[in-house]
């Protein structure tokens, strides 16, 4: 269950990452492509640390961009 939850949260975080960088349309396309990507689906099925790696990387990048946004 935690690996599947991390996979779903990665799709959500990638939407916000694409929205932050390029706009809402790019966020929707990026999240959609990740949701149907065979690589992402296979990674989310394994109960290891790999789904958490992609989630934490996307969360870290989103936090970095959010904190370094010009005022």
N, C-alpha and C. Protein backbone atom coordinates (compact mmCIF):
# COMPACT_ATOMS: atom_id res chain seq x y z
N UNK A 1 0.80 -1.21 0.00
CA UNK A 1 0.00 0.00 0.00
C UNK A 1 0.84 1.28 0.00
N UNK A 2 1.93 1.37 0.78
CA UNK A 2 2.72 2.61 0.76
C UNK A 2 3.35 2.90 -0.60
N UNK A 3 3.76 1.87 -1.32
CA UNK A 3 4.35 2.09 -2.64
C UNK A 3 3.30 2.62 -3.62
N UNK A 4 2.10 2.08 -3.57
CA UNK A 4 1.03 2.57 -4.45
C UNK A 4 0.64 3.99 -4.09
N UNK A 5 0.59 4.29 -2.81
CA UNK A 5 0.28 5.65 -2.37
C UNK A 5 1.35 6.63 -2.82
N UNK A 6 2.61 6.22 -2.73
CA UNK A 6 3.70 7.08 -3.20
C UNK A 6 3.60 7.32 -4.70
N UNK A 7 3.20 6.31 -5.46
CA UNK A 7 3.02 6.48 -6.90
C UNK A 7 1.92 7.46 -7.24
N UNK A 8 0.83 7.40 -6.53
CA UNK A 8 -0.28 8.33 -6.76
C UNK A 8 0.12 9.74 -6.36
N UNK A 9 0.80 9.86 -5.23
CA UNK A 9 1.24 11.19 -4.79
C UNK A 9 2.28 11.79 -5.73
N UNK A 10 3.09 10.95 -6.36
CA UNK A 10 4.07 11.44 -7.32
C UNK A 10 3.38 12.08 -8.52
N UNK A 11 2.28 11.50 -8.96
CA UNK A 11 1.51 12.08 -10.07
C UNK A 11 0.97 13.45 -9.66
N UNK A 12 0.46 13.55 -8.45
CA UNK A 12 -0.07 14.83 -7.98
C UNK A 12 1.03 15.88 -7.84
N UNK A 13 2.17 15.48 -7.28
CA UNK A 13 3.28 16.41 -7.11
C UNK A 13 3.84 16.84 -8.47
N UNK A 14 3.88 15.92 -9.43
CA UNK A 14 4.37 16.27 -10.76
C UNK A 14 3.43 17.27 -11.44
N UNK A 15 2.14 17.17 -11.19
CA UNK A 15 1.22 18.18 -11.71
C UNK A 15 1.58 19.56 -11.18
N UNK A 16 1.79 19.67 -9.88
CA UNK A 16 2.13 20.96 -9.29
C UNK A 16 3.50 21.45 -9.76
N UNK A 17 4.42 20.53 -9.99
CA UNK A 17 5.75 20.89 -10.50
C UNK A 17 5.66 21.45 -11.91
N UNK A 18 4.91 20.78 -12.78
CA UNK A 18 4.72 21.29 -14.14
C UNK A 18 3.96 22.60 -14.16
N UNK A 19 3.00 22.74 -13.26
CA UNK A 19 2.25 23.99 -13.15
C UNK A 19 3.14 25.12 -12.69
N UNK A 20 4.03 24.84 -11.75
CA UNK A 20 4.95 25.85 -11.22
C UNK A 20 5.94 26.31 -12.29
N UNK A 21 6.41 25.38 -13.10
CA UNK A 21 7.43 25.72 -14.09
C UNK A 21 6.85 26.32 -15.37
N UNK A 22 5.78 25.72 -15.90
CA UNK A 22 5.34 26.10 -17.24
C UNK A 22 3.87 26.46 -17.38
N UNK A 23 3.05 26.19 -16.38
CA UNK A 23 1.63 26.50 -16.47
C UNK A 23 0.77 25.27 -16.24
N UNK A 24 -0.53 25.49 -16.07
CA UNK A 24 -1.41 24.37 -15.73
C UNK A 24 -1.58 23.33 -16.84
N UNK A 25 -1.52 23.74 -18.09
CA UNK A 25 -1.68 22.76 -19.17
C UNK A 25 -0.52 21.78 -19.18
N UNK A 26 0.69 22.28 -18.98
CA UNK A 26 1.86 21.40 -18.96
C UNK A 26 1.80 20.49 -17.74
N UNK A 27 1.30 21.00 -16.63
CA UNK A 27 1.16 20.17 -15.44
C UNK A 27 0.22 19.01 -15.66
N UNK A 28 -0.89 19.27 -16.34
CA UNK A 28 -1.86 18.21 -16.62
C UNK A 28 -1.27 17.17 -17.57
N UNK A 29 -0.56 17.63 -18.60
CA UNK A 29 0.05 16.70 -19.55
C UNK A 29 1.13 15.86 -18.88
N UNK A 30 1.97 16.49 -18.07
CA UNK A 30 3.04 15.76 -17.39
C UNK A 30 2.48 14.73 -16.43
N UNK A 31 1.47 15.10 -15.65
CA UNK A 31 0.86 14.15 -14.71
C UNK A 31 0.16 13.01 -15.45
N UNK A 32 -0.48 13.32 -16.56
CA UNK A 32 -1.15 12.28 -17.34
C UNK A 32 -0.15 11.30 -17.93
N UNK A 33 0.95 11.82 -18.46
CA UNK A 33 1.96 10.94 -19.03
C UNK A 33 2.62 10.07 -17.97
N UNK A 34 2.84 10.63 -16.79
CA UNK A 34 3.42 9.81 -15.72
C UNK A 34 2.43 8.75 -15.24
N UNK A 35 1.15 9.08 -15.21
CA UNK A 35 0.15 8.13 -14.74
C UNK A 35 0.03 6.91 -15.65
N UNK A 36 0.26 7.08 -16.95
CA UNK A 36 0.13 5.95 -17.87
C UNK A 36 1.48 5.37 -18.28
N UNK A 37 2.56 5.89 -17.74
CA UNK A 37 3.89 5.41 -18.07
C UNK A 37 4.10 4.00 -17.50
N UNK A 38 4.50 3.05 -18.33
CA UNK A 38 4.74 1.70 -17.82
C UNK A 38 5.85 1.66 -16.76
N UNK A 39 6.85 2.50 -16.90
CA UNK A 39 7.93 2.55 -15.92
C UNK A 39 7.39 2.95 -14.55
N UNK A 40 6.56 3.96 -14.50
CA UNK A 40 6.01 4.43 -13.24
C UNK A 40 5.06 3.41 -12.62
N UNK A 41 4.26 2.76 -13.44
CA UNK A 41 3.33 1.76 -12.93
C UNK A 41 4.09 0.58 -12.34
N UNK A 42 5.14 0.12 -13.03
CA UNK A 42 5.93 -1.00 -12.51
C UNK A 42 6.65 -0.63 -11.22
N UNK A 43 7.18 0.58 -11.15
CA UNK A 43 7.87 1.03 -9.95
C UNK A 43 6.90 1.08 -8.78
N UNK A 44 5.68 1.54 -9.02
CA UNK A 44 4.70 1.66 -7.94
C UNK A 44 4.18 0.32 -7.46
N UNK A 45 4.38 -0.73 -8.23
CA UNK A 45 3.91 -2.05 -7.81
C UNK A 45 4.87 -2.73 -6.86
N UNK A 46 6.13 -2.35 -6.87
CA UNK A 46 7.13 -2.99 -6.02
C UNK A 46 7.15 -2.31 -4.66
N UNK A 47 7.25 -3.11 -3.63
CA UNK A 47 7.22 -2.58 -2.26
C UNK A 47 8.64 -2.32 -1.78
N UNK A 48 9.34 -1.45 -2.47
CA UNK A 48 10.69 -1.10 -2.07
C UNK A 48 10.79 0.39 -1.80
N UNK A 49 11.99 0.88 -1.86
CA UNK A 49 12.19 2.31 -1.61
C UNK A 49 12.17 3.13 -2.89
N UNK A 50 12.08 2.50 -4.03
CA UNK A 50 12.14 3.23 -5.30
C UNK A 50 10.97 4.18 -5.50
N UNK A 51 9.72 3.82 -5.17
CA UNK A 51 8.64 4.82 -5.33
C UNK A 51 8.83 6.03 -4.43
N UNK A 52 9.40 5.82 -3.27
CA UNK A 52 9.64 6.94 -2.38
C UNK A 52 10.74 7.84 -2.91
N UNK A 53 11.69 7.28 -3.66
CA UNK A 53 12.76 8.08 -4.25
C UNK A 53 12.20 9.07 -5.25
N UNK A 54 11.34 8.61 -6.14
CA UNK A 54 10.78 9.53 -7.14
C UNK A 54 9.87 10.56 -6.48
N UNK A 55 9.14 10.17 -5.45
CA UNK A 55 8.28 11.12 -4.75
C UNK A 55 9.09 12.17 -4.02
N UNK A 56 10.12 11.77 -3.30
CA UNK A 56 10.91 12.74 -2.55
C UNK A 56 11.72 13.64 -3.48
N UNK A 57 12.16 13.12 -4.61
CA UNK A 57 12.87 13.97 -5.56
C UNK A 57 11.95 15.06 -6.11
N UNK A 58 10.74 14.66 -6.51
CA UNK A 58 9.78 15.65 -7.04
C UNK A 58 9.36 16.64 -5.97
N UNK A 59 9.15 16.17 -4.74
CA UNK A 59 8.80 17.07 -3.65
C UNK A 59 9.93 18.04 -3.33
N UNK A 60 11.16 17.55 -3.34
CA UNK A 60 12.30 18.42 -3.09
C UNK A 60 12.47 19.47 -4.17
N UNK A 61 12.31 19.08 -5.41
CA UNK A 61 12.42 20.03 -6.51
C UNK A 61 11.30 21.07 -6.46
N UNK A 62 10.09 20.63 -6.12
CA UNK A 62 8.98 21.57 -5.98
C UNK A 62 9.22 22.54 -4.83
N UNK A 63 9.72 22.04 -3.72
CA UNK A 63 10.00 22.92 -2.58
C UNK A 63 11.11 23.91 -2.92
N UNK A 64 12.13 23.45 -3.63
CA UNK A 64 13.22 24.34 -4.03
C UNK A 64 12.71 25.46 -4.93
N UNK A 65 11.91 25.11 -5.92
CA UNK A 65 11.38 26.11 -6.83
C UNK A 65 10.42 27.06 -6.12
N UNK A 66 9.65 26.53 -5.20
CA UNK A 66 8.70 27.37 -4.47
C UNK A 66 9.43 28.37 -3.56
N UNK A 67 10.51 27.92 -2.93
CA UNK A 67 11.26 28.81 -2.03
C UNK A 67 12.11 29.84 -2.76
N UNK A 68 12.52 29.54 -3.98
CA UNK A 68 13.38 30.45 -4.73
C UNK A 68 12.62 31.21 -5.80
N UNK A 69 11.31 31.29 -5.65
CA UNK A 69 10.49 32.07 -6.58
C UNK A 69 10.71 33.55 -6.30
N UNK A 70 10.86 34.36 -7.32
CA UNK A 70 11.03 35.81 -7.07
C UNK A 70 9.78 36.38 -6.43
N UNK A 71 9.96 37.34 -5.52
CA UNK A 71 8.80 37.92 -4.82
C UNK A 71 7.93 38.78 -5.71
